[in-house]
PDB file of N, CA and C in Angstrom:
ATOM      1  N   UNK A   1      15.281   8.470  13.230  1.00  0.00           N
ATOM      2  CA  UNK A   1      14.564   7.675  12.248  1.00  0.00           C
ATOM      3  C   UNK A   1      13.358   8.468  11.751  1.00  0.00           C
ATOM      4  N   UNK A   2      13.004   8.233  10.511  1.00  0.00           N
ATOM      5  CA  UNK A   2      11.877   8.897   9.871  1.00  0.00           C
ATOM      6  C   UNK A   2      10.850   7.851   9.468  1.00  0.00           C
ATOM      7  N   UNK A   3       9.591   8.198   9.588  1.00  0.00           N
ATOM      8  CA  UNK A   3       8.537   7.316   9.084  1.00  0.00           C
ATOM      9  C   UNK A   3       8.332   7.592   7.597  1.00  0.00           C
ATOM     10  N   UNK A   4       8.172   6.514   6.844  1.00  0.00           N
ATOM     11  CA  UNK A   4       7.896   6.586   5.416  1.00  0.00           C
ATOM     12  C   UNK A   4       6.637   5.780   5.126  1.00  0.00           C
ATOM     13  N   UNK A   5       5.854   6.262   4.172  1.00  0.00           N
ATOM     14  CA  UNK A   5       4.714   5.518   3.663  1.00  0.00           C
ATOM     15  C   UNK A   5       5.149   4.849   2.369  1.00  0.00           C
ATOM     16  N   UNK A   6       5.026   3.540   2.320  1.00  0.00           N
ATOM     17  CA  UNK A   6       5.292   2.794   1.086  1.00  0.00           C
ATOM     18  C   UNK A   6       3.934   2.315   0.589  1.00  0.00           C
ATOM     19  N   UNK A   7       3.457   2.910  -0.503  1.00  0.00           N
ATOM     20  CA  UNK A   7       2.134   2.607  -1.055  1.00  0.00           C
ATOM     21  C   UNK A   7       2.267   1.665  -2.244  1.00  0.00           C
ATOM     22  N   UNK A   8       1.504   0.583  -2.204  1.00  0.00           N
ATOM     23  CA  UNK A   8       1.453  -0.337  -3.337  1.00  0.00           C
ATOM     24  C   UNK A   8       0.423   0.212  -4.317  1.00  0.00           C
ATOM     25  N   UNK A   9       0.827   0.421  -5.550  1.00  0.00           N
ATOM     26  CA  UNK A   9      -0.045   0.988  -6.570  1.00  0.00           C
ATOM     27  C   UNK A   9      -0.468  -0.120  -7.533  1.00  0.00           C
ATOM     28  N   UNK A  10      -1.766  -0.209  -7.781  1.00  0.00           N
ATOM     29  CA  UNK A  10      -2.254  -1.232  -8.688  1.00  0.00           C
ATOM     30  C   UNK A  10      -3.536  -0.790  -9.359  1.00  0.00           C
ATOM     31  N   UNK A  11      -4.064  -1.621 -10.225  1.00  0.00           N
ATOM     32  CA  UNK A  11      -5.320  -1.280 -10.913  1.00  0.00           C
ATOM     33  C   UNK A  11      -6.453  -1.043  -9.920  1.00  0.00           C
ATOM     34  N   UNK A  12      -7.389  -0.187 -10.287  1.00  0.00           N
ATOM     35  CA  UNK A  12      -8.518   0.069  -9.391  1.00  0.00           C
ATOM     36  C   UNK A  12      -9.433  -1.135  -9.300  1.00  0.00           C
ATOM     37  N   UNK A  13      -9.497  -1.939 -10.336  1.00  0.00           N
ATOM     38  CA  UNK A  13     -10.336  -3.142 -10.347  1.00  0.00           C
ATOM     39  C   UNK A  13      -9.577  -4.274 -11.024  1.00  0.00           C
ATOM     40  N   UNK A  14      -9.768  -5.476 -10.513  1.00  0.00           N
ATOM     41  CA  UNK A  14      -9.205  -6.662 -11.142  1.00  0.00           C
ATOM     42  C   UNK A  14     -10.345  -7.427 -11.790  1.00  0.00           C
ATOM     43  N   UNK A  15     -10.094  -7.945 -12.956  1.00  0.00           N
ATOM     44  CA  UNK A  15     -11.142  -8.615 -13.711  1.00  0.00           C
ATOM     45  C   UNK A  15     -10.891 -10.119 -13.823  1.00  0.00           C
ATOM     46  N   UNK A  16     -10.186 -10.663 -12.834  1.00  0.00           N
ATOM     47  CA  UNK A  16      -9.976 -12.106 -12.814  1.00  0.00           C
ATOM     48  C   UNK A  16     -10.043 -12.589 -11.369  1.00  0.00           C
ATOM     49  N   UNK A  17     -10.079 -13.870 -11.199  1.00  0.00           N
ATOM     50  CA  UNK A  17     -10.250 -14.445  -9.870  1.00  0.00           C
ATOM     51  C   UNK A  17      -8.977 -14.419  -9.032  1.00  0.00           C
ATOM     52  N   UNK A  18      -7.836 -14.052  -9.628  1.00  0.00           N
ATOM     53  CA  UNK A  18      -6.573 -14.079  -8.918  1.00  0.00           C
ATOM     54  C   UNK A  18      -6.029 -12.676  -8.637  1.00  0.00           C
ATOM     55  N   UNK A  19      -6.899 -11.670  -8.616  1.00  0.00           N
ATOM     56  CA  UNK A  19      -6.518 -10.291  -8.266  1.00  0.00           C
ATOM     57  C   UNK A  19      -5.345  -9.770  -9.091  1.00  0.00           C
ATOM     58  N   UNK A  20      -5.317 -10.118 -10.366  1.00  0.00           N
ATOM     59  CA  UNK A  20      -4.279  -9.606 -11.249  1.00  0.00           C
ATOM     60  C   UNK A  20      -3.040 -10.480 -11.335  1.00  0.00           C
ATOM     61  N   UNK A  21      -2.935 -11.504 -10.479  1.00  0.00           N
ATOM     62  CA  UNK A  21      -1.824 -12.437 -10.583  1.00  0.00           C
ATOM     63  C   UNK A  21      -2.149 -13.425 -11.699  1.00  0.00           C
ATOM     64  N   UNK A  22      -1.145 -14.008 -12.297  1.00  0.00           N
ATOM     65  CA  UNK A  22      -1.358 -14.905 -13.426  1.00  0.00           C
ATOM     66  C   UNK A  22      -2.035 -16.218 -13.084  1.00  0.00           C
ATOM     67  N   UNK A  23      -1.881 -16.658 -11.827  1.00  0.00           N
ATOM     68  CA  UNK A  23      -2.449 -17.935 -11.414  1.00  0.00           C
ATOM     69  C   UNK A  23      -2.639 -17.944  -9.902  1.00  0.00           C
ATOM     70  N   UNK A  24      -3.345 -18.943  -9.432  1.00  0.00           N
ATOM     71  CA  UNK A  24      -3.533 -19.106  -7.991  1.00  0.00           C
ATOM     72  C   UNK A  24      -2.179 -19.307  -7.305  1.00  0.00           C
ATOM     73  N   UNK A  25      -1.304 -20.080  -7.928  1.00  0.00           N
ATOM     74  CA  UNK A  25       0.013 -20.350  -7.358  1.00  0.00           C
ATOM     75  C   UNK A  25       0.843 -19.076  -7.240  1.00  0.00           C
ATOM     76  N   UNK A  26       0.794 -18.231  -8.286  1.00  0.00           N
ATOM     77  CA  UNK A  26       1.540 -16.966  -8.255  1.00  0.00           C
ATOM     78  C   UNK A  26       0.990 -16.049  -7.168  1.00  0.00           C
ATOM     79  N   UNK A  27      -0.320 -16.008  -7.030  1.00  0.00           N
ATOM     80  CA  UNK A  27      -0.945 -15.185  -5.991  1.00  0.00           C
ATOM     81  C   UNK A  27      -0.515 -15.678  -4.606  1.00  0.00           C
ATOM     82  N   UNK A  28      -0.584 -16.977  -4.384  1.00  0.00           N
ATOM     83  CA  UNK A  28      -0.207 -17.529  -3.086  1.00  0.00           C
ATOM     84  C   UNK A  28       1.268 -17.302  -2.789  1.00  0.00           C
ATOM     85  N   UNK A  29       2.122 -17.403  -3.809  1.00  0.00           N
ATOM     86  CA  UNK A  29       3.551 -17.163  -3.608  1.00  0.00           C
ATOM     87  C   UNK A  29       3.804 -15.696  -3.256  1.00  0.00           C
ATOM     88  N   UNK A  30       3.097 -14.782  -3.914  1.00  0.00           N
ATOM     89  CA  UNK A  30       3.237 -13.369  -3.599  1.00  0.00           C
ATOM     90  C   UNK A  30       2.817 -13.093  -2.160  1.00  0.00           C
ATOM     91  N   UNK A  31       1.720 -13.706  -1.720  1.00  0.00           N
ATOM     92  CA  UNK A  31       1.272 -13.524  -0.335  1.00  0.00           C
ATOM     93  C   UNK A  31       2.322 -14.063   0.640  1.00  0.00           C
ATOM     94  N   UNK A  32       2.904 -15.217   0.326  1.00  0.00           N
ATOM     95  CA  UNK A  32       3.939 -15.793   1.180  1.00  0.00           C
ATOM     96  C   UNK A  32       5.182 -14.901   1.206  1.00  0.00           C
ATOM     97  N   UNK A  33       5.590 -14.399   0.027  1.00  0.00           N
ATOM     98  CA  UNK A  33       6.759 -13.519  -0.050  1.00  0.00           C
ATOM     99  C   UNK A  33       6.520 -12.225   0.720  1.00  0.00           C
ATOM    100  N   UNK A  34       5.308 -11.691   0.622  1.00  0.00           N
ATOM    101  CA  UNK A  34       4.980 -10.461   1.349  1.00  0.00           C
ATOM    102  C   UNK A  34       4.976 -10.718   2.851  1.00  0.00           C
ATOM    103  N   UNK A  35       4.457 -11.860   3.264  1.00  0.00           N
ATOM    104  CA  UNK A  35       4.497 -12.215   4.686  1.00  0.00           C
ATOM    105  C   UNK A  35       5.925 -12.322   5.197  1.00  0.00           C
ATOM    106  N   UNK A  36       6.811 -12.943   4.412  1.00  0.00           N
ATOM    107  CA  UNK A  36       8.223 -13.049   4.792  1.00  0.00           C
ATOM    108  C   UNK A  36       8.876 -11.668   4.850  1.00  0.00           C
ATOM    109  N   UNK A  37       8.526 -10.803   3.900  1.00  0.00           N
ATOM    110  CA  UNK A  37       9.043  -9.429   3.916  1.00  0.00           C
ATOM    111  C   UNK A  37       8.581  -8.711   5.179  1.00  0.00           C
ATOM    112  N   UNK A  38       7.306  -8.859   5.531  1.00  0.00           N
ATOM    113  CA  UNK A  38       6.786  -8.236   6.756  1.00  0.00           C
ATOM    114  C   UNK A  38       7.541  -8.741   7.984  1.00  0.00           C
ATOM    115  N   UNK A  39       7.784 -10.044   8.042  1.00  0.00           N
ATOM    116  CA  UNK A  39       8.534 -10.615   9.170  1.00  0.00           C
ATOM    117  C   UNK A  39       9.929 -10.019   9.255  1.00  0.00           C
ATOM    118  N   UNK A  40      10.571  -9.816   8.090  1.00  0.00           N
ATOM    119  CA  UNK A  40      11.915  -9.239   8.085  1.00  0.00           C
ATOM    120  C   UNK A  40      11.892  -7.779   8.528  1.00  0.00           C
ATOM    121  N   UNK A  41      10.869  -7.020   8.095  1.00  0.00           N
ATOM    122  CA  UNK A  41      10.735  -5.638   8.565  1.00  0.00           C
ATOM    123  C   UNK A  41      10.656  -5.594  10.089  1.00  0.00           C
ATOM    124  N   UNK A  42       9.874  -6.495  10.666  1.00  0.00           N
ATOM    125  CA  UNK A  42       9.724  -6.555  12.121  1.00  0.00           C
ATOM    126  C   UNK A  42      11.050  -6.915  12.787  1.00  0.00           C
ATOM    127  N   UNK A  43      11.715  -7.929  12.258  1.00  0.00           N
ATOM    128  CA  UNK A  43      12.980  -8.381  12.838  1.00  0.00           C
ATOM    129  C   UNK A  43      14.049  -7.292  12.785  1.00  0.00           C
ATOM    130  N   UNK A  44      14.027  -6.485  11.729  1.00  0.00           N
ATOM    131  CA  UNK A  44      15.040  -5.435  11.553  1.00  0.00           C
ATOM    132  C   UNK A  44      14.651  -4.103  12.196  1.00  0.00           C
ATOM    133  N   UNK A  45      13.472  -4.036  12.813  1.00  0.00           N
ATOM    134  CA  UNK A  45      13.057  -2.816  13.505  1.00  0.00           C
ATOM    135  C   UNK A  45      12.489  -1.728  12.615  1.00  0.00           C
ATOM    136  N   UNK A  46      12.106  -2.071  11.379  1.00  0.00           N
ATOM    137  CA  UNK A  46      11.536  -1.081  10.459  1.00  0.00           C
ATOM    138  C   UNK A  46      10.011  -1.050  10.499  1.00  0.00           C
ATOM    139  N   UNK A  47       9.385  -2.090  11.010  1.00  0.00           N
ATOM    140  CA  UNK A  47       7.924  -2.239  10.986  1.00  0.00           C
ATOM    141  C   UNK A  47       7.259  -1.201  11.876  1.00  0.00           C
ATOM    142  N   UNK A  48       6.247  -0.511  11.354  1.00  0.00           N
ATOM    143  CA  UNK A  48       5.351   0.318  12.148  1.00  0.00           C
ATOM    144  C   UNK A  48       3.927  -0.219  11.983  1.00  0.00           C
ATOM    145  N   UNK A  49       3.469  -0.314  10.721  1.00  0.00           N
ATOM    146  CA  UNK A  49       2.114  -0.770  10.449  1.00  0.00           C
ATOM    147  C   UNK A  49       1.998  -1.061   8.963  1.00  0.00           C
ATOM    148  N   UNK A  50       1.092  -1.970   8.593  1.00  0.00           N
ATOM    149  CA  UNK A  50       0.854  -2.267   7.179  1.00  0.00           C
ATOM    150  C   UNK A  50      -0.548  -2.811   7.006  1.00  0.00           C
ATOM    151  N   UNK A  51      -1.042  -2.749   5.777  1.00  0.00           N
ATOM    152  CA  UNK A  51      -2.348  -3.322   5.497  1.00  0.00           C
ATOM    153  C   UNK A  51      -2.659  -3.314   4.019  1.00  0.00           C
ATOM    154  N   UNK A  52      -3.502  -4.255   3.627  1.00  0.00           N
ATOM    155  CA  UNK A  52      -4.027  -4.293   2.268  1.00  0.00           C
ATOM    156  C   UNK A  52      -5.381  -3.609   2.250  1.00  0.00           C
ATOM    157  N   UNK A  53      -5.755  -3.098   1.112  1.00  0.00           N
ATOM    158  CA  UNK A  53      -7.014  -2.371   0.976  1.00  0.00           C
ATOM    159  C   UNK A  53      -7.958  -3.084   0.022  1.00  0.00           C
ATOM    160  N   UNK A  54      -9.244  -2.937   0.267  1.00  0.00           N
ATOM    161  CA  UNK A  54     -10.235  -3.427  -0.677  1.00  0.00           C
ATOM    162  C   UNK A  54     -10.192  -2.553  -1.928  1.00  0.00           C
ATOM    163  N   UNK A  55     -10.899  -2.959  -2.958  1.00  0.00           N
ATOM    164  CA  UNK A  55     -10.921  -2.222  -4.223  1.00  0.00           C
ATOM    165  C   UNK A  55     -11.369  -0.778  -4.010  1.00  0.00           C
ATOM    166  N   UNK A  56     -10.866   0.104  -4.851  1.00  0.00           N
ATOM    167  CA  UNK A  56     -11.211   1.521  -4.757  1.00  0.00           C
ATOM    168  C   UNK A  56     -12.714   1.756  -4.886  1.00  0.00           C
ATOM    169  N   UNK A  57     -13.410   0.857  -5.558  1.00  0.00           N
ATOM    170  CA  UNK A  57     -14.863   1.001  -5.693  1.00  0.00           C
ATOM    171  C   UNK A  57     -15.572   0.880  -4.346  1.00  0.00           C
ATOM    172  N   UNK A  58     -14.891   0.353  -3.343  1.00  0.00           N
ATOM    173  CA  UNK A  58     -15.466   0.244  -1.996  1.00  0.00           C
ATOM    174  C   UNK A  58     -15.192   1.476  -1.135  1.00  0.00           C
ATOM    175  N   UNK A  59     -14.547   2.479  -1.708  1.00  0.00           N
ATOM    176  CA  UNK A  59     -14.221   3.690  -0.953  1.00  0.00           C
ATOM    177  C   UNK A  59     -15.461   4.533  -0.705  1.00  0.00           C
ATOM    178  N   UNK A  60     -15.388   5.320   0.343  1.00  0.00           N
ATOM    179  CA  UNK A  60     -16.395   6.327   0.650  1.00  0.00           C
ATOM    180  C   UNK A  60     -15.653   7.638   0.874  1.00  0.00           C
ATOM    181  N   UNK A  61     -16.080   8.689   0.206  1.00  0.00           N
ATOM    182  CA  UNK A  61     -15.452  10.001   0.346  1.00  0.00           C
ATOM    183  C   UNK A  61     -16.348  10.859   1.227  1.00  0.00           C
ATOM    184  N   UNK A  62     -15.740  11.480   2.237  1.00  0.00           N
ATOM    185  CA  UNK A  62     -16.471  12.333   3.165  1.00  0.00           C
ATOM    186  C   UNK A  62     -15.901  13.743   3.075  1.00  0.00           C
ATOM    187  N   UNK A  63     -16.766  14.711   2.788  1.00  0.00           N
ATOM    188  CA  UNK A  63     -16.377  16.119   2.767  1.00  0.00           C
ATOM    189  C   UNK A  63     -17.112  16.802   3.911  1.00  0.00           C
ATOM    190  N   UNK A  64     -16.394  17.047   4.977  1.00  0.00           N
ATOM    191  CA  UNK A  64     -16.981  17.660   6.160  1.00  0.00           C
ATOM    192  C   UNK A  64     -16.694  19.138   6.277  1.00  0.00           C
ATOM    193  N   UNK A  65     -16.401  19.796   5.182  1.00  0.00           N
ATOM    194  CA  UNK A  65     -16.020  21.209   5.236  1.00  0.00           C
ATOM    195  C   UNK A  65     -17.211  22.150   5.333  1.00  0.00           C
ATOM    196  N   UNK A  66     -18.389  21.667   4.964  1.00  0.00           N
ATOM    197  CA  UNK A  66     -19.572  22.526   4.986  1.00  0.00           C
ATOM    198  C   UNK A  66     -20.331  22.394   6.295  1.00  0.00           C
ATOM    199  N   UNK A  67     -21.587  22.858   6.285  1.00  0.00           N
ATOM    200  CA  UNK A  67     -22.418  22.799   7.478  1.00  0.00           C
ATOM    201  C   UNK A  67     -22.727  21.365   7.889  1.00  0.00           C
ATOM    202  N   UNK A  68     -22.879  20.489   6.911  1.00  0.00           N
ATOM    203  CA  UNK A  68     -23.079  19.077   7.212  1.00  0.00           C
ATOM    204  C   UNK A  68     -22.238  18.257   6.232  1.00  0.00           C
ATOM    205  N   UNK A  69     -21.774  17.095   6.667  1.00  0.00           N
ATOM    206  CA  UNK A  69     -20.908  16.290   5.793  1.00  0.00           C
ATOM    207  C   UNK A  69     -21.624  15.822   4.525  1.00  0.00           C
ATOM    208  N   UNK A  70     -20.866  15.792   3.432  1.00  0.00           N
ATOM    209  CA  UNK A  70     -21.346  15.237   2.180  1.00  0.00           C
ATOM    210  C   UNK A  70     -20.604  13.920   1.982  1.00  0.00           C
ATOM    211  N   UNK A  71     -21.363  12.844   1.830  1.00  0.00           N
ATOM    212  CA  UNK A  71     -20.786  11.507   1.705  1.00  0.00           C
ATOM    213  C   UNK A  71     -21.120  10.957   0.324  1.00  0.00           C
ATOM    214  N   UNK A  72     -20.080  10.510  -0.407  1.00  0.00           N
ATOM    215  CA  UNK A  72     -20.294   9.921  -1.732  1.00  0.00           C
ATOM    216  C   UNK A  72     -19.578   8.578  -1.802  1.00  0.00           C
ATOM    217  N   UNK A  73     -20.152   7.680  -2.571  1.00  0.00           N
ATOM    218  CA  UNK A  73     -19.555   6.368  -2.775  1.00  0.00           C
ATOM    219  C   UNK A  73     -18.504   6.437  -3.858  1.00  0.00           C
ATOM    220  N   UNK A  74     -17.532   5.539  -3.757  1.00  0.00           N
ATOM    221  CA  UNK A  74     -16.516   5.418  -4.795  1.00  0.00           C
ATOM    222  C   UNK A  74     -15.283   6.236  -4.496  1.00  0.00           C
ATOM    223  N   UNK A  75     -14.260   6.065  -5.292  1.00  0.00           N
ATOM    224  CA  UNK A  75     -12.993   6.762  -5.040  1.00  0.00           C
ATOM    225  C   UNK A  75     -13.117   8.267  -5.271  1.00  0.00           C
ATOM    226  N   UNK A  76     -12.238   9.002  -4.644  1.00  0.00           N
ATOM    227  CA  UNK A  76     -12.209  10.454  -4.775  1.00  0.00           C
ATOM    228  C   UNK A  76     -11.903  10.868  -6.205  1.00  0.00           C
ATOM    229  N   UNK A  77     -10.946  10.201  -6.838  1.00  0.00           N
ATOM    230  CA  UNK A  77     -10.543  10.527  -8.208  1.00  0.00           C
ATOM    231  C   UNK A  77     -10.888   9.388  -9.151  1.00  0.00           C
ATOM    232  N   UNK A  78     -11.238   9.720 -10.365  1.00  0.00           N
ATOM    233  CA  UNK A  78     -11.399   8.713 -11.415  1.00  0.00           C
ATOM    234  C   UNK A  78     -10.008   8.414 -11.956  1.00  0.00           C
ATOM    235  N   UNK A  79      -9.592   7.189 -11.813  1.00  0.00           N
ATOM    236  CA  UNK A  79      -8.249   6.801 -12.213  1.00  0.00           C
ATOM    237  C   UNK A  79      -8.212   5.322 -12.541  1.00  0.00           C
ATOM    238  N   UNK A  80      -7.184   4.904 -13.233  1.00  0.00           N
ATOM    239  CA  UNK A  80      -7.029   3.487 -13.554  1.00  0.00           C
ATOM    240  C   UNK A  80      -6.178   2.770 -12.526  1.00  0.00           C
ATOM    241  N   UNK A  81      -5.449   3.526 -11.697  1.00  0.00           N
ATOM    242  CA  UNK A  81      -4.616   2.950 -10.647  1.00  0.00           C
ATOM    243  C   UNK A  81      -4.931   3.626  -9.329  1.00  0.00           C
ATOM    244  N   UNK A  82      -4.771   2.865  -8.250  1.00  0.00           N
ATOM    245  CA  UNK A  82      -5.035   3.392  -6.920  1.00  0.00           C
ATOM    246  C   UNK A  82      -4.172   2.651  -5.912  1.00  0.00           C
ATOM    247  N   UNK A  83      -4.171   3.129  -4.680  1.00  0.00           N
ATOM    248  CA  UNK A  83      -3.441   2.464  -3.624  1.00  0.00           C
ATOM    249  C   UNK A  83      -4.132   1.136  -3.303  1.00  0.00           C
ATOM    250  N   UNK A  84      -3.364   0.055  -3.353  1.00  0.00           N
ATOM    251  CA  UNK A  84      -3.907  -1.274  -3.094  1.00  0.00           C
ATOM    252  C   UNK A  84      -3.544  -1.767  -1.693  1.00  0.00           C
ATOM    253  N   UNK A  85      -2.513  -1.189  -1.135  1.00  0.00           N
ATOM    254  CA  UNK A  85      -2.050  -1.549   0.195  1.00  0.00           C
ATOM    255  C   UNK A  85      -0.904  -0.635   0.571  1.00  0.00           C
ATOM    256  N   UNK A  86      -0.386  -0.802   1.781  1.00  0.00           N
ATOM    257  CA  UNK A  86       0.662   0.116   2.226  1.00  0.00           C
ATOM    258  C   UNK A  86       1.433  -0.459   3.403  1.00  0.00           C
ATOM    259  N   UNK A  87       2.593   0.104   3.606  1.00  0.00           N
ATOM    260  CA  UNK A  87       3.381  -0.087   4.814  1.00  0.00           C
ATOM    261  C   UNK A  87       3.721   1.294   5.361  1.00  0.00           C
ATOM    262  N   UNK A  88       3.760   1.439   6.653  1.00  0.00           N
ATOM    263  CA  UNK A  88       4.399   2.572   7.309  1.00  0.00           C
ATOM    264  C   UNK A  88       5.642   1.979   7.950  1.00  0.00           C
ATOM    265  N   UNK A  89       6.792   2.489   7.557  1.00  0.00           N
ATOM    266  CA  UNK A  89       8.056   1.958   8.062  1.00  0.00           C
ATOM    267  C   UNK A  89       8.837   3.046   8.775  1.00  0.00           C
ATOM    268  N   UNK A  90       9.811   2.630   9.541  1.00  0.00           N
ATOM    269  CA  UNK A  90      10.747   3.522  10.202  1.00  0.00           C
ATOM    270  C   UNK A  90      12.112   3.239   9.595  1.00  0.00           C
ATOM    271  N   UNK A  91      12.739   4.246   9.006  1.00  0.00           N
ATOM    272  CA  UNK A  91      14.036   4.058   8.353  1.00  0.00           C
ATOM    273  C   UNK A  91      14.922   5.261   8.644  1.00  0.00           C
ATOM    274  N   UNK A  92      16.230   5.057   8.685  1.00  0.00           N
ATOM    275  CA  UNK A  92      17.128   6.162   9.003  1.00  0.00           C
ATOM    276  C   UNK A  92      17.237   7.218   7.914  1.00  0.00           C
ATOM    277  N   UNK A  93      16.959   6.819   6.651  1.00  0.00           N
ATOM    278  CA  UNK A  93      17.063   7.791   5.564  1.00  0.00           C
ATOM    279  C   UNK A  93      16.335   7.254   4.330  1.00  0.00           C
ATOM    280  N   UNK A  94      16.242   8.110   3.315  1.00  0.00           N
ATOM    281  CA  UNK A  94      15.531   7.752   2.089  1.00  0.00           C
ATOM    282  C   UNK A  94      16.181   6.578   1.361  1.00  0.00           C
ATOM    283  N   UNK A  95      17.502   6.477   1.403  1.00  0.00           N
ATOM    284  CA  UNK A  95      18.168   5.371   0.718  1.00  0.00           C
ATOM    285  C   UNK A  95      17.716   4.020   1.277  1.00  0.00           C
ATOM    286  N   UNK A  96      17.598   3.919   2.588  1.00  0.00           N
ATOM    287  CA  UNK A  96      17.123   2.679   3.205  1.00  0.00           C
ATOM    288  C   UNK A  96      15.662   2.447   2.840  1.00  0.00           C
ATOM    289  N   UNK A  97      14.855   3.504   2.877  1.00  0.00           N
ATOM    290  CA  UNK A  97      13.435   3.374   2.512  1.00  0.00           C
ATOM    291  C   UNK A  97      13.285   2.895   1.068  1.00  0.00           C
ATOM    292  N   UNK A  98      14.104   3.399   0.168  1.00  0.00           N
ATOM    293  CA  UNK A  98      14.053   2.978  -1.241  1.00  0.00           C
ATOM    294  C   UNK A  98      14.470   1.515  -1.374  1.00  0.00           C
ATOM    295  N   UNK A  99      15.491   1.112  -0.643  1.00  0.00           N
ATOM    296  CA  UNK A  99      15.910  -0.300  -0.678  1.00  0.00           C
ATOM    297  C   UNK A  99      14.778  -1.198  -0.185  1.00  0.00           C
ATOM    298  N   UNK A 100      14.127  -0.793   0.900  1.00  0.00           N
ATOM    299  CA  UNK A 100      13.016  -1.583   1.427  1.00  0.00           C
ATOM    300  C   UNK A 100      11.831  -1.586   0.457  1.00  0.00           C
ATOM    301  N   UNK A 101      11.591  -0.463  -0.199  1.00  0.00           N
ATOM    302  CA  UNK A 101      10.504  -0.397  -1.188  1.00  0.00           C
ATOM    303  C   UNK A 101      10.775  -1.338  -2.360  1.00  0.00           C
ATOM    304  N   UNK A 102      12.026  -1.450  -2.764  1.00  0.00           N
ATOM    305  CA  UNK A 102      12.378  -2.383  -3.847  1.00  0.00           C
ATOM    306  C   UNK A 102      12.101  -3.822  -3.418  1.00  0.00           C
ATOM    307  N   UNK A 103      12.420  -4.149  -2.170  1.00  0.00           N
ATOM    308  CA  UNK A 103      12.130  -5.490  -1.655  1.00  0.00           C
ATOM    309  C   UNK A 103      10.619  -5.714  -1.567  1.00  0.00           C
ATOM    310  N   UNK A 104       9.891  -4.690  -1.134  1.00  0.00           N
ATOM    311  CA  UNK A 104       8.433  -4.782  -1.048  1.00  0.00           C
ATOM    312  C   UNK A 104       7.823  -4.992  -2.427  1.00  0.00           C
ATOM    313  N   UNK A 105       8.307  -4.254  -3.400  1.00  0.00           N
ATOM    314  CA  UNK A 105       7.817  -4.361  -4.770  1.00  0.00           C
ATOM    315  C   UNK A 105       8.016  -5.769  -5.321  1.00  0.00           C
ATOM    316  N   UNK A 106       9.182  -6.324  -5.058  1.00  0.00           N
ATOM    317  CA  UNK A 106       9.471  -7.678  -5.529  1.00  0.00           C
ATOM    318  C   UNK A 106       8.546  -8.683  -4.842  1.00  0.00           C
ATOM    319  N   UNK A 107       8.339  -8.517  -3.532  1.00  0.00           N
ATOM    320  CA  UNK A 107       7.504  -9.458  -2.775  1.00  0.00           C
ATOM    321  C   UNK A 107       6.049  -9.412  -3.216  1.00  0.00           C
ATOM    322  N   UNK A 108       5.494  -8.208  -3.341  1.00  0.00           N
ATOM    323  CA  UNK A 108       4.060  -8.089  -3.645  1.00  0.00           C
ATOM    324  C   UNK A 108       3.774  -8.039  -5.137  1.00  0.00           C
ATOM    325  N   UNK A 109       4.841  -7.920  -5.925  1.00  0.00           N
ATOM    326  CA  UNK A 109       4.723  -7.897  -7.385  1.00  0.00           C
ATOM    327  C   UNK A 109       3.909  -6.700  -7.888  1.00  0.00           C
ATOM    328  N   UNK A 110       4.254  -5.541  -7.324  1.00  0.00           N
ATOM    329  CA  UNK A 110       3.591  -4.311  -7.730  1.00  0.00           C
ATOM    330  C   UNK A 110       4.521  -3.126  -7.554  1.00  0.00           C
ATOM    331  N   UNK A 111       4.145  -2.012  -8.125  1.00  0.00           N
ATOM    332  CA  UNK A 111       4.911  -0.781  -7.955  1.00  0.00           C
ATOM    333  C   UNK A 111       4.675  -0.251  -6.552  1.00  0.00           C
ATOM    334  N   UNK A 112       5.727   0.350  -5.960  1.00  0.00           N
ATOM    335  CA  UNK A 112       5.629   0.897  -4.611  1.00  0.00           C
ATOM    336  C   UNK A 112       6.129   2.337  -4.625  1.00  0.00           C
ATOM    337  N   UNK A 113       5.286   3.247  -4.171  1.00  0.00           N
ATOM    338  CA  UNK A 113       5.656   4.659  -4.040  1.00  0.00           C
ATOM    339  C   UNK A 113       6.139   4.889  -2.609  1.00  0.00           C
ATOM    340  N   UNK A 114       7.226   5.632  -2.443  1.00  0.00           N
ATOM    341  CA  UNK A 114       7.787   5.942  -1.128  1.00  0.00           C
ATOM    342  C   UNK A 114       7.628   7.427  -0.857  1.00  0.00           C
ATOM    343  N   UNK A 115       7.054   7.765   0.317  1.00  0.00           N
ATOM    344  CA  UNK A 115       6.913   9.172   0.696  1.00  0.00           C
ATOM    345  C   UNK A 115       7.216   9.331   2.182  1.00  0.00           C
ATOM    346  N   UNK A 116       8.080  10.294   2.514  1.00  0.00           N
ATOM    347  CA  UNK A 116       8.334  10.538   3.935  1.00  0.00           C
ATOM    348  C   UNK A 116       7.165  11.296   4.553  1.00  0.00           C
ATOM    349  N   UNK A 117       6.914  11.030   5.824  1.00  0.00           N
ATOM    350  CA  UNK A 117       5.957  11.845   6.560  1.00  0.00           C
ATOM    351  C   UNK A 117       6.584  13.212   6.779  1.00  0.00           C
ATOM    352  N   UNK A 118       5.762  14.234   6.908  1.00  0.00           N
ATOM    353  CA  UNK A 118       6.287  15.596   6.982  1.00  0.00           C
ATOM    354  C   UNK A 118       6.848  15.962   8.348  1.00  0.00           C
ATOM    355  N   UNK A 119       6.691  15.119   9.344  1.00  0.00           N
ATOM    356  CA  UNK A 119       7.260  15.395  10.661  1.00  0.00           C
ATOM    357  C   UNK A 119       6.413  16.304  11.516  1.00  0.00           C
ATOM    358  N   UNK A 120       5.327  16.816  10.974  1.00  0.00           N
ATOM    359  CA  UNK A 120       4.430  17.658  11.760  1.00  0.00           C
ATOM    360  C   UNK A 120       3.477  16.777  12.546  1.00  0.00           C
ATOM    361  N   UNK A 121       3.120  17.198  13.702  1.00  0.00           N
ATOM    362  CA  UNK A 121       2.126  16.454  14.482  1.00  0.00           C
ATOM    363  C   UNK A 121       2.743  15.423  15.270  1.00  0.00           C
TER     364      UNK A 121
END
């Protein structure tokens, strides 16, 4: 089995009270669907770890390559989209990971990028 990162991609900032969902009901349904998807990942043995992220504006970038760390507020890159959440899954191959990403996308109502871990470490 290989670990894959499934990243939910969304706007860096939401300008409404429902985090980009059309209504409170749609937001709550998406949360329920995502919870059911998470339960299914666990039941099927694909679950490793998952989490939602705060807005990219809450990021802190740390560059520790010099003599002392340089810490800056905000996202590393200026962009209109950023990672909003993620799953780390265990899947036998990319085809299964893509199928699971499609289910994740439908549940959370967002685009999902799939990337295998490099196997190092």
